[in-house]
Every structure is written in C-alpha cells, then in structure tokens.
C-alpha cells in the first residue's frame, strides 16, 4: 500500500516519517480519516522524497495544527513544493466538480464536497521545511538524531537513519524510502548500510524482477528512427519527476552520437519544466557521467532542438507542426493532462508511435493502450488505435526484489527485525516471505495501524 506514514514515539518526542497520500481509489478514505496523533503533538516530520505517496498529506497535517519542522534535502524541499501546489489545485478542482455533479444529481457523496486541502494550505506548509545535507547529523530532539543518505531513486531522495538514545540504550532505525537502482543515469547509486538495528524497507517491486531488455538508449534510437522514416510523431506519456529528465538524458546522448535525426523535442508539462529547473540548480547531486556532460556544455536539459512548452495555446499548436517531432507530456499513465490531446491527434495515425516508459496501472488509459486495445475513449470520444505502440522497460527507478535483497545484504550482521512496508499487499507479503527464506532474519509485514514496541 502507498500513502506511507510511520509514527516513531520515544520518551521525549513524537516523530512522523513520511506523510503520504493514498492514491488507490479503494484506500482514499484513509486520506480523510483523522490522524492517529493530533498534528499539534508531533514534533517533526522526516521526508525521504517528493512523490505524493510520501509527502502528499503534509498540507492537511499543517492545516490541522502541525507546527514542527519538516526535514528533507534541499532538492526534495523544492520539488515537494511544486508537487504539493499542483496537488492542491487538483484537490480544489475535483471538489468543485463533485459539488456541481452532486447538486445536479441531487445526492451526496461519502465525503464533504470540499478539497482535502487547498493551495493556501500548501503554501502555509512551505515555511516549515528545513533542508539538510546528505550525511549531516541532525538533532531532531532530546535523544534523537537523523542522517539522510542518497538512495538514488529521484532527485534529492533519501534513506533516513534515525538514532534513538534513551535509558542508557541506543538503537538505530533505517527508513528506506524508495530505493533506486544501480547504474541509472543522472543520479548516484543508492547508499548502503552495514550496521543497523531495525529496517523499514519498501516493497513496491518486491514480487517481481525487472524484465531484461535491450539497452535503453538502443531501444529509444530504434523507435525514433523507425518513426522518423514513417513520417510520424513520437508521443511519450511521462511522469514529471525523474522520468522526463531521464528521457531527455538518453535523447541527448543519442544526438551527441548522431544516432538519431536532430528532431524537435517538446517537453509539454509545466510541472516537469519546473522540476527540470530544480535539477539544473542541484548539479552537486549528479553522478560522474552527468557531471561530465554538464561541465562540457552538453547538458541534457539544454540540447539544441529542445523546447519547453508552458501555455495551453503553445501545447495546442504542436499538433499543427509538419514532420516528425517528439512530445513528452503528462500524465504518465494518460489519466489526465496534456497527453490526452496529443493522443487524440496521433493515436489513429499509422505513422506515429505512442511510447510508454513506465508502469501502467490496471484500469488506466495507458494500460488499455499497452494491453492492445483496438479502440480507446479519450476526452469523451472513441478513437481507433492505429499508431504503433511501443514500451521501454529500462526506465524504472524502483529496485526489484533481487535488488532490494542485495541492498539489505550489505548489512554485516542480521538486524533485530526487518519490516516490509510501502507496497501493495501481495508484493509486500511475497517479498517478506522471499526475504525470510533467503536470510533467516526476523521479517514481518505490518498491518495498517499496527503498533510495534522496539526493544
């Protein structure tokens, strides 16, 4: 399950690690439930990274009385503020839409026709952010320290090691956040830990192994070149954080190597553009290869032919350009945003390619398309699917079950217990069994709301 929130209570303080929003429809009621602890009683929040399922309830917590500090890296702070403002606007729009619909249908829904939180609530939370550096020891309160370690998932993402000292005893707890993968572009490889008492490890891909596929750059080059020869467009549904920037990275390399035509590339996502600006400000977080590109004036965020599309009118004008172009737009699963308008123009063109670079959840428009639907409904109308549908699997920024095992295997001694968290129920349970069989460690998969005493 997503929507991570972990309450760590000591003799002297109450600390919340993560404050995530549930995005699954069947679990959305949890976003409205009262917090188990009154927000004003919480001393601080530790935040691993900027995805909504880790940060998306912060404005609600603040609106209900939280006044402590929110500790995270500077990059996470900047990206989180972009994402929370967008989420707040969507909350307001969704509440207004539901109110009009319910009035028209003369009925009431299960929740008040008000936003979960507002833009004002989001803005009010930003003054509480307190950026920290990787490796810096932060004194959270009496007897509690925290250090943030680069985990290689998205820009600024962290695993957090919390050290608790009380009654003459000391215990260390690692909260993994979302664990990245080795040898991914732009970011450094995930940090590892060798000594820890307790671990809370994510399990997003704990029930599977990533598909082996051709080199990501090779696959992208093949798709671009074949579409160019047909005279069509390449339409890429993409997520604003990390995925869009990685696509630009691979395109830049292919252009430097002259492996693809020098076509126009449009990043048609105001949020992705704002997040890309955060990337530009935090070059200290780049790996060696990315740093080399930037220092040689070959940044993937400024290559010739790359255009940033801000306004809706600019976005609409892209559909009148003749010749092959690439359009990268949100949302990544085609559930909303500008990508739908580009699909309307291109999905029935045999010359064009719809390129998916991320997981498509069950029931989404993106999933229908990649599963081979012959006709899809977009913006209220049905369109035959005639474009070529392509998918590259090498972009995933989540460690799979074997990569999670490898990350944990860096521990020099068995931890007192490993808690498998942050994954769909099936994935968490399967990874818990897998980890227990492979290590013989004490492994548990806690239930929602479960309390555990750490000795």
Protein backbone atom coordinates (compact mmCIF):
# COMPACT_ATOMS: atom_id res chain seq x y z
CA UNK A 1 0.00 0.00 0.00
CA UNK A 2 1.16 3.53 -0.70
CA UNK A 3 0.47 6.54 1.47
CA UNK A 4 3.41 5.94 3.80
CA UNK A 5 3.29 7.35 7.33
CA UNK A 6 5.31 5.99 10.26
CA UNK A 7 4.98 7.36 13.79
CA UNK A 8 8.12 6.96 15.90
CA UNK A 9 7.45 7.72 19.57
CA UNK A 10 10.17 7.94 22.22
CA UNK A 11 10.17 9.06 25.84
CA UNK A 12 10.66 12.64 24.70
CA UNK A 13 9.08 13.22 21.31
CA UNK A 14 6.72 12.10 18.57
CA UNK A 15 8.24 11.95 15.12
CA UNK A 16 6.48 11.28 11.80
CA UNK A 17 8.50 9.73 8.99
CA UNK A 18 6.72 10.40 5.66
CA UNK A 19 3.27 11.93 5.30
CA UNK A 20 1.95 10.27 2.17
CA UNK A 21 -1.30 10.49 0.25
CA UNK A 22 -3.18 7.31 -0.67
CA UNK A 23 -3.76 7.29 -4.44
CA UNK A 24 -5.60 3.96 -4.68
CA UNK A 25 -9.32 4.58 -5.02
CA UNK A 26 -10.28 1.85 -2.55
CA UNK A 27 -7.98 3.32 0.11
CA UNK A 28 -8.68 7.02 -0.45
CA UNK A 29 -10.89 7.15 2.67
CA UNK A 30 -7.71 6.98 4.74
CA UNK A 31 -6.76 10.44 3.47
CA UNK A 32 -9.87 11.81 5.19
CA UNK A 33 -9.51 9.87 8.44
CA UNK A 34 -8.28 11.79 11.49
CA UNK A 35 -4.57 11.42 12.14
CA UNK A 36 -3.91 8.85 14.90
CA UNK A 37 -1.98 11.52 16.82
CA UNK A 38 -3.21 15.13 16.97
CA UNK A 39 -0.97 17.00 14.49
CA UNK A 40 -0.09 19.69 17.07
CA UNK A 41 1.52 16.98 19.24
CA UNK A 42 4.01 15.97 16.55
CA UNK A 43 7.49 17.43 16.95
CA UNK A 44 8.84 16.93 13.40
CA UNK A 45 8.44 15.20 10.05
CA UNK A 46 11.26 13.40 8.23
CA UNK A 47 10.62 13.17 4.49
CA UNK A 48 12.50 10.80 2.16
CA UNK A 49 11.45 12.28 -1.19
CA UNK A 50 8.90 14.28 -3.14
CA UNK A 51 6.44 11.72 -4.52
CA UNK A 52 2.84 12.24 -3.41
CA UNK A 53 2.61 8.85 -1.73
CA UNK A 54 5.33 10.08 0.64
CA UNK A 55 4.58 13.81 1.01
CA UNK A 56 1.02 14.38 -0.22
CA UNK A 57 -0.76 14.83 3.14
CA UNK A 58 1.61 17.44 4.57
CA UNK A 59 -0.73 20.41 3.85
CA UNK A 60 -3.62 18.63 5.60
CA UNK A 61 -1.42 17.92 8.61
CA UNK A 62 -0.38 21.58 8.78
CA UNK A 63 -3.97 22.79 8.33
CA UNK A 64 -4.93 20.66 11.34
CA UNK A 65 -2.28 22.07 13.64
CA UNK A 66 1.21 20.71 12.90
CA UNK A 67 3.87 23.38 13.53
CA UNK A 68 7.13 21.42 13.76
CA UNK A 69 9.98 21.29 11.25
CA UNK A 70 9.90 19.20 8.07
CA UNK A 71 13.39 17.79 7.48
CA UNK A 72 14.46 16.71 3.98
CA UNK A 73 17.15 17.54 1.42
CA UNK A 74 17.05 20.90 -0.33
CA UNK A 75 16.16 19.31 -3.67
CA UNK A 76 13.33 17.34 -2.07
CA UNK A 77 12.04 20.52 -0.43
CA UNK A 78 11.96 22.38 -3.76
CA UNK A 79 10.34 19.55 -5.74
CA UNK A 80 7.84 18.78 -2.97
CA UNK A 81 6.60 22.36 -3.02
CA UNK A 82 5.99 22.16 -6.78
CA UNK A 83 4.15 18.84 -6.45
CA UNK A 84 2.05 19.89 -3.44
CA UNK A 85 0.87 23.08 -5.16
CA UNK A 86 -0.21 21.04 -8.17
CA UNK A 87 -1.94 18.51 -5.92
CA UNK A 88 -3.75 21.28 -4.05
CA UNK A 89 -5.04 22.79 -7.29
CA UNK A 90 -6.31 19.38 -8.36
CA UNK A 91 -7.97 18.90 -4.96
CA UNK A 92 -9.78 22.22 -5.36
CA UNK A 93 -10.85 21.49 -8.94
CA UNK A 94 -12.02 17.98 -8.06
CA UNK A 95 -14.06 19.23 -5.10
CA UNK A 96 -15.74 21.92 -7.23
CA UNK A 97 -16.54 19.39 -9.95
CA UNK A 98 -18.02 16.90 -7.48
CA UNK A 99 -20.13 19.60 -5.86
CA UNK A 100 -21.63 20.61 -9.22
CA UNK A 101 -22.24 16.99 -10.17
CA UNK A 102 -23.86 16.07 -6.86
CA UNK A 103 -26.08 19.15 -6.99
CA UNK A 104 -27.14 18.17 -10.50
CA UNK A 105 -27.80 14.58 -9.43
CA UNK A 106 -29.36 15.67 -6.11
CA UNK A 107 -27.23 13.40 -3.99
CA UNK A 108 -24.30 13.49 -1.57
CA UNK A 109 -21.02 11.60 -1.72
CA UNK A 110 -19.29 9.78 1.17
CA UNK A 111 -17.06 12.78 1.92
CA UNK A 112 -17.65 16.54 2.17
CA UNK A 113 -17.58 18.36 -1.16
CA UNK A 114 -14.51 20.29 -0.10
CA UNK A 115 -10.86 19.84 -1.06
CA UNK A 116 -8.71 17.59 1.10
CA UNK A 117 -6.53 20.70 1.32
CA UNK A 118 -6.20 23.97 -0.55
CA UNK A 119 -3.48 25.98 -2.28
CA UNK A 120 -3.37 28.20 0.80
CA UNK A 121 -2.83 25.12 2.99
CA UNK A 122 0.03 24.02 0.75
CA UNK A 123 1.66 27.45 0.83
CA UNK A 124 1.34 27.56 4.63
CA UNK A 125 3.32 24.31 4.92
CA UNK A 126 6.33 25.54 2.94
CA UNK A 127 7.67 27.76 5.75
CA UNK A 128 8.15 24.63 7.88
CA UNK A 129 10.61 22.94 5.52
CA UNK A 130 14.13 22.70 6.93
CA UNK A 131 16.63 21.45 4.29
CA UNK A 132 19.53 19.20 5.34
CA UNK A 133 22.59 17.83 3.56
CA UNK A 134 23.40 14.20 2.88
CA UNK A 135 25.47 12.79 5.73
CA UNK A 136 24.72 15.69 8.08
CA UNK A 137 23.75 14.61 11.60
CA UNK A 138 20.56 16.45 12.55
CA UNK A 139 19.49 16.69 16.19
CA UNK A 140 15.70 16.24 16.00
CA UNK A 141 15.09 16.34 19.73
CA UNK A 142 16.40 15.09 23.05
CA UNK A 143 17.99 11.69 22.37
CA UNK A 144 17.02 11.52 18.68
CA UNK A 145 19.33 12.17 15.72
CA UNK A 146 18.80 11.61 12.00
CA UNK A 147 21.07 11.39 8.95
CA UNK A 148 19.91 11.45 5.34
CA UNK A 149 21.65 9.22 2.76
CA UNK A 150 21.37 9.39 -1.04
CA UNK A 151 19.18 6.47 -2.15
CA UNK A 152 19.29 7.11 -5.92
CA UNK A 153 15.55 6.96 -6.60
CA UNK A 154 14.72 10.52 -7.69
CA UNK A 155 16.50 13.85 -7.31
CA UNK A 156 17.13 14.50 -3.62
CA UNK A 157 15.70 11.18 -2.43
CA UNK A 158 16.98 9.71 0.81
CA UNK A 159 17.05 6.76 3.10
CA UNK A 160 16.94 8.08 6.66
CA UNK A 161 18.87 6.61 9.58
CA UNK A 162 17.39 7.55 12.95
CA UNK A 163 19.40 7.00 16.13
CA UNK A 164 17.44 6.90 19.38
CA UNK A 165 19.20 7.08 22.76
CA UNK A 166 17.21 6.66 25.98
CA UNK A 167 17.61 4.93 29.34
CA UNK A 168 21.26 4.20 28.60
CA UNK A 169 20.43 2.24 25.43
CA UNK A 170 20.85 3.19 21.77
CA UNK A 171 19.01 1.83 18.73
CA UNK A 172 19.30 2.65 15.03
CA UNK A 173 16.38 2.51 12.60
CA UNK A 174 16.64 2.91 8.83
CA UNK A 175 13.65 4.07 6.78
CA UNK A 176 14.48 3.11 3.20
CA UNK A 177 12.09 5.43 1.37
CA UNK A 178 12.03 4.20 -2.23
CA UNK A 179 15.27 2.51 -3.22
CA UNK A 180 16.79 3.34 -6.59
CA UNK A 181 18.80 1.16 -8.93
CA UNK A 182 22.49 0.99 -9.72
CA UNK A 183 23.93 2.42 -12.94
CA UNK A 184 20.94 4.66 -13.63
CA UNK A 185 21.54 7.97 -15.41
CA UNK A 186 21.85 11.37 -13.73
CA UNK A 187 21.91 10.20 -10.09
CA UNK A 188 24.46 8.36 -7.98
CA UNK A 189 23.93 4.74 -6.93
CA UNK A 190 21.95 4.06 -3.73
CA UNK A 191 23.80 4.32 -0.42
CA UNK A 192 24.05 1.15 1.65
CA UNK A 193 24.17 0.47 5.38
CA UNK A 194 26.37 -2.01 7.23
CA UNK A 195 25.16 -1.69 10.86
CA UNK A 196 21.55 -1.11 11.88
CA UNK A 197 19.11 -2.50 14.44
CA UNK A 198 15.82 -2.14 12.55
CA UNK A 199 14.98 -1.59 8.87
CA UNK A 200 11.73 -0.47 7.28
CA UNK A 201 12.19 -1.47 3.63
CA UNK A 202 9.86 -0.64 0.76
CA UNK A 203 8.39 -3.41 -1.42
CA UNK A 204 6.96 -1.67 -4.49
CA UNK A 205 8.54 -4.26 -6.79
CA UNK A 206 9.06 -6.89 -4.11
CA UNK A 207 7.10 -9.52 -6.04
CA UNK A 208 8.90 -9.26 -9.36
CA UNK A 209 12.15 -8.96 -11.23
CA UNK A 210 12.58 -6.25 -13.83
CA UNK A 211 12.35 -7.52 -17.38
CA UNK A 212 15.67 -7.88 -19.10
CA UNK A 213 15.60 -5.71 -22.19
CA UNK A 214 17.92 -4.17 -24.74
CA UNK A 215 19.94 -1.13 -23.73
CA UNK A 216 17.55 1.74 -23.09
CA UNK A 217 19.40 4.04 -25.48
CA UNK A 218 19.41 1.41 -28.22
CA UNK A 219 15.67 0.83 -27.83
CA UNK A 220 14.95 4.55 -27.92
CA UNK A 221 17.10 5.02 -31.03
CA UNK A 222 15.26 2.24 -32.85
CA UNK A 223 11.86 3.74 -32.06
CA UNK A 224 12.85 7.29 -33.04
CA UNK A 225 14.48 6.21 -36.30
CA UNK A 226 11.62 3.97 -37.41
CA UNK A 227 9.02 6.64 -36.64
CA UNK A 228 11.07 9.26 -38.50
CA UNK A 229 11.12 7.05 -41.59
CA UNK A 230 7.34 6.71 -41.44
CA UNK A 231 6.92 10.48 -41.07
CA UNK A 232 5.02 10.27 -37.79
CA UNK A 233 5.37 11.77 -34.32
CA UNK A 234 6.67 10.15 -31.13
CA UNK A 235 4.24 10.80 -28.27
CA UNK A 236 5.62 9.99 -24.82
CA UNK A 237 3.34 9.93 -21.74
CA UNK A 238 5.72 10.68 -18.88
CA UNK A 239 5.92 11.49 -15.19
CA UNK A 240 7.18 14.95 -14.26
CA UNK A 241 9.79 13.88 -11.70
CA UNK A 242 12.83 11.88 -12.85
CA UNK A 243 11.25 10.03 -15.79
CA UNK A 244 11.00 13.09 -18.06
CA UNK A 245 14.57 14.10 -17.18
CA UNK A 246 15.91 10.60 -17.88
CA UNK A 247 14.25 10.56 -21.30
CA UNK A 248 15.96 13.86 -22.10
CA UNK A 249 19.27 12.38 -20.90
CA UNK A 250 19.05 9.44 -23.30
CA UNK A 251 17.92 11.63 -26.19
CA UNK A 252 20.84 13.96 -25.59
CA UNK A 253 23.33 11.09 -25.72
CA UNK A 254 21.81 9.78 -28.95
CA UNK A 255 22.01 13.23 -30.52
CA UNK A 256 25.64 13.68 -29.42
CA UNK A 257 26.45 10.33 -31.04
CA UNK A 258 24.41 11.19 -34.17
CA UNK A 259 22.37 8.00 -33.78
CA UNK A 260 19.03 9.72 -34.34
CA UNK A 261 17.87 12.61 -36.57
CA UNK A 262 18.08 16.06 -34.98
CA UNK A 263 14.36 16.35 -34.48
CA UNK A 264 12.45 18.88 -32.38
CA UNK A 265 11.68 17.66 -28.84
CA UNK A 266 8.93 19.37 -26.82
CA UNK A 267 8.62 18.98 -23.06
CA UNK A 268 4.93 19.81 -22.77
CA UNK A 269 4.48 19.78 -18.99
CA UNK A 270 4.73 22.91 -16.85
CA UNK A 271 5.38 20.77 -13.77
CA UNK A 272 8.16 18.79 -15.48
CA UNK A 273 9.69 22.06 -16.65
CA UNK A 274 9.70 23.50 -13.12
CA UNK A 275 11.21 20.28 -11.77
CA UNK A 276 13.86 20.30 -14.50
CA UNK A 277 14.88 23.76 -13.26
CA UNK A 278 15.42 22.17 -9.83
CA UNK A 279 17.71 19.60 -11.46
CA UNK A 280 19.72 22.45 -13.01
CA UNK A 281 20.17 24.05 -9.57
CA UNK A 282 21.42 20.86 -7.93
CA UNK A 283 24.32 19.66 -10.04
CA UNK A 284 26.05 18.53 -6.83
CA UNK A 285 23.67 15.54 -6.81
CA UNK A 286 24.68 14.27 -10.26
CA UNK A 287 26.77 11.18 -10.92
CA UNK A 288 30.12 11.39 -12.70
CA UNK A 289 28.77 10.93 -16.23
CA UNK A 290 26.08 13.56 -15.81
CA UNK A 291 28.57 15.96 -14.23
CA UNK A 292 30.89 15.45 -17.20
CA UNK A 293 28.09 16.31 -19.64
CA UNK A 294 27.22 19.48 -17.74
CA UNK A 295 30.85 20.62 -17.44
CA UNK A 296 31.34 20.13 -21.20
CA UNK A 297 28.23 22.22 -22.00
CA UNK A 298 26.29 19.16 -23.18
CA UNK A 299 23.56 19.19 -20.57
CA UNK A 300 20.53 17.05 -21.49
CA UNK A 301 18.33 19.90 -20.28
CA UNK A 302 19.57 22.41 -22.88
CA UNK A 303 20.34 20.50 -26.07
CA UNK A 304 19.57 22.06 -29.50
CA UNK A 305 16.01 21.34 -30.60
CA UNK A 306 14.62 21.01 -27.06
CA UNK A 307 11.71 23.37 -26.40
CA UNK A 308 9.87 23.91 -23.13
CA UNK A 309 6.10 24.32 -23.64
CA UNK A 310 4.41 26.42 -20.98
CA UNK A 311 0.99 27.61 -22.14
CA UNK A 312 -2.06 25.68 -23.31
CA UNK A 313 -2.03 27.59 -26.62
CA UNK A 314 1.58 26.59 -27.25
CA UNK A 315 0.64 22.99 -26.49
CA UNK A 316 -2.25 23.05 -28.95
CA UNK A 317 -0.03 24.50 -31.68
CA UNK A 318 2.22 21.41 -31.59
CA UNK A 319 -0.48 19.42 -33.36
CA UNK A 320 -0.08 21.61 -36.47
CA UNK A 321 3.66 21.03 -36.94
CA UNK A 322 4.55 19.08 -40.08
CA UNK A 323 7.30 16.47 -39.94
CA UNK A 324 8.42 14.22 -37.11
CA UNK A 325 8.59 15.66 -33.61
CA UNK A 326 8.70 14.15 -30.13
CA UNK A 327 6.27 15.36 -27.47
CA UNK A 328 6.85 14.42 -23.82
CA UNK A 329 3.78 15.22 -21.72
CA UNK A 330 1.90 14.20 -18.59
CA UNK A 331 0.32 12.31 -17.19
CA UNK A 332 2.48 9.21 -17.31
CA UNK A 333 -0.49 6.81 -17.32
CA UNK A 334 -2.64 9.02 -19.61
CA UNK A 335 -5.16 9.63 -16.84
CA UNK A 336 -5.23 13.38 -17.41
CA UNK A 337 -3.19 16.34 -18.57
CA UNK A 338 -2.00 17.48 -21.99
CA UNK A 339 -1.04 14.00 -23.16
CA UNK A 340 -4.70 13.25 -23.90
CA UNK A 341 -4.89 15.98 -26.54
CA UNK A 342 -1.74 14.68 -28.24
CA UNK A 343 -3.17 11.16 -28.20
CA UNK A 344 -6.33 12.41 -29.90
CA UNK A 345 -4.21 13.79 -32.75
CA UNK A 346 -1.83 10.84 -33.11
CA UNK A 347 -3.33 7.57 -31.87
CA UNK A 348 -5.16 6.92 -35.14
CA UNK A 349 -2.13 7.83 -37.31
CA UNK A 350 -0.29 4.74 -38.54
CA UNK A 351 2.86 6.82 -38.97
CA UNK A 352 3.04 7.85 -35.29
CA UNK A 353 4.34 6.00 -32.24
CA UNK A 354 2.96 6.12 -28.71
CA UNK A 355 5.94 5.34 -26.48
CA UNK A 356 5.42 4.23 -22.87
CA UNK A 357 8.38 4.38 -20.48
CA UNK A 358 6.73 3.48 -17.19
CA UNK A 359 4.40 1.10 -15.43
CA UNK A 360 0.73 1.44 -16.42
CA UNK A 361 -1.65 0.69 -13.55
CA UNK A 362 -4.67 -1.50 -14.09
CA UNK A 363 -7.71 0.41 -15.33
CA UNK A 364 -5.80 3.43 -16.68
CA UNK A 365 -5.98 4.60 -20.29
CA UNK A 366 -2.28 3.83 -20.65
CA UNK A 367 -2.86 0.24 -19.54
CA UNK A 368 -5.68 -0.20 -22.06
CA UNK A 369 -3.40 1.01 -24.84
CA UNK A 370 -0.37 -1.15 -23.94
CA UNK A 371 -2.65 -4.18 -23.49
CA UNK A 372 -3.61 -3.91 -27.15
CA UNK A 373 -7.00 -2.19 -27.19
CA UNK A 374 -8.28 -1.67 -30.73
CA UNK A 375 -10.31 1.38 -29.74
CA UNK A 376 -9.99 3.74 -26.77
CA UNK A 377 -12.10 6.52 -25.28
CA UNK A 378 -10.29 9.84 -24.92
CA UNK A 379 -11.95 13.08 -23.80
CA UNK A 380 -15.40 11.62 -24.32
CA UNK A 381 -14.88 10.22 -27.84
CA UNK A 382 -13.73 6.86 -29.20
CA UNK A 383 -10.65 6.57 -31.42
CA UNK A 384 -9.29 3.53 -33.27
CA UNK A 385 -5.74 2.64 -32.23
CA UNK A 386 -3.68 2.62 -35.42
CA UNK A 387 -0.42 4.15 -34.18
CA UNK A 388 2.48 1.87 -33.29
CA UNK A 389 2.51 1.18 -29.54
CA UNK A 390 5.96 0.79 -28.00
CA UNK A 391 7.20 0.28 -24.46
CA UNK A 392 10.70 0.54 -22.98
CA UNK A 393 11.09 -1.20 -19.61
CA UNK A 394 14.55 0.09 -18.69
CA UNK A 395 13.42 3.37 -17.15
CA UNK A 396 12.16 2.01 -13.83
CA UNK A 397 13.66 3.84 -10.83
CA UNK A 398 12.50 1.25 -8.27
CA UNK A 399 14.70 -1.64 -7.15
CA UNK A 400 13.18 -5.07 -7.83
CA UNK A 401 13.10 -7.96 -5.34
CA UNK A 402 16.66 -9.10 -6.07
CA UNK A 403 17.99 -5.54 -5.95
CA UNK A 404 16.19 -4.99 -2.64
CA UNK A 405 17.77 -8.19 -1.32
CA UNK A 406 21.20 -7.05 -2.49
CA UNK A 407 20.74 -3.69 -0.77
CA UNK A 408 19.84 -5.39 2.52
CA UNK A 409 22.65 -7.92 2.13
CA UNK A 410 25.21 -5.15 2.69
CA UNK A 411 24.39 -5.40 6.42
CA UNK A 412 27.29 -7.08 8.21
CA UNK A 413 25.04 -8.61 10.87
CA UNK A 414 21.36 -9.51 10.95
CA UNK A 415 19.15 -6.65 12.10
CA UNK A 416 16.87 -7.22 15.05
CA UNK A 417 13.92 -7.08 12.66
CA UNK A 418 13.05 -6.03 9.13
CA UNK A 419 9.63 -4.51 8.48
CA UNK A 420 8.44 -4.84 4.89
CA UNK A 421 6.34 -1.77 4.07
CA UNK A 422 5.15 0.51 1.25
CA UNK A 423 3.92 -1.89 -1.36
CA UNK A 424 0.69 -3.46 -2.50
CA UNK A 425 -0.38 -6.22 -0.10
CA UNK A 426 0.59 -9.01 -2.48
CA UNK A 427 4.02 -7.51 -3.23
CA UNK A 428 4.80 -6.84 0.45
CA UNK A 429 3.82 -10.33 1.59
CA UNK A 430 5.68 -12.07 -1.22
CA UNK A 431 8.81 -10.04 -0.58
CA UNK A 432 8.55 -10.71 3.15
CA UNK A 433 8.46 -14.47 2.52
CA UNK A 434 11.26 -14.22 -0.05
CA UNK A 435 13.49 -12.21 2.32
CA UNK A 436 12.84 -14.54 5.24
CA UNK A 437 13.72 -17.61 3.15
CA UNK A 438 16.90 -16.03 1.78
CA UNK A 439 18.25 -14.63 5.06
CA UNK A 440 16.52 -16.37 8.00
CA UNK A 441 16.13 -12.92 9.53
CA UNK A 442 13.21 -11.83 11.68
CA UNK A 443 10.93 -10.32 8.98
CA UNK A 444 7.41 -9.01 9.39
CA UNK A 445 4.84 -7.33 7.17
CA UNK A 446 2.92 -4.95 9.47
CA UNK A 447 -0.76 -4.21 9.04
CA UNK A 448 -2.14 -0.70 8.63
CA UNK A 449 -2.28 0.94 12.06
CA UNK A 450 -0.23 -1.79 13.77
CA UNK A 451 1.86 -0.73 16.77
CA UNK A 452 5.27 -2.29 17.48
CA UNK A 453 7.49 -1.85 20.52
CA UNK A 454 11.20 -1.74 19.58
CA UNK A 455 13.43 -3.24 22.28
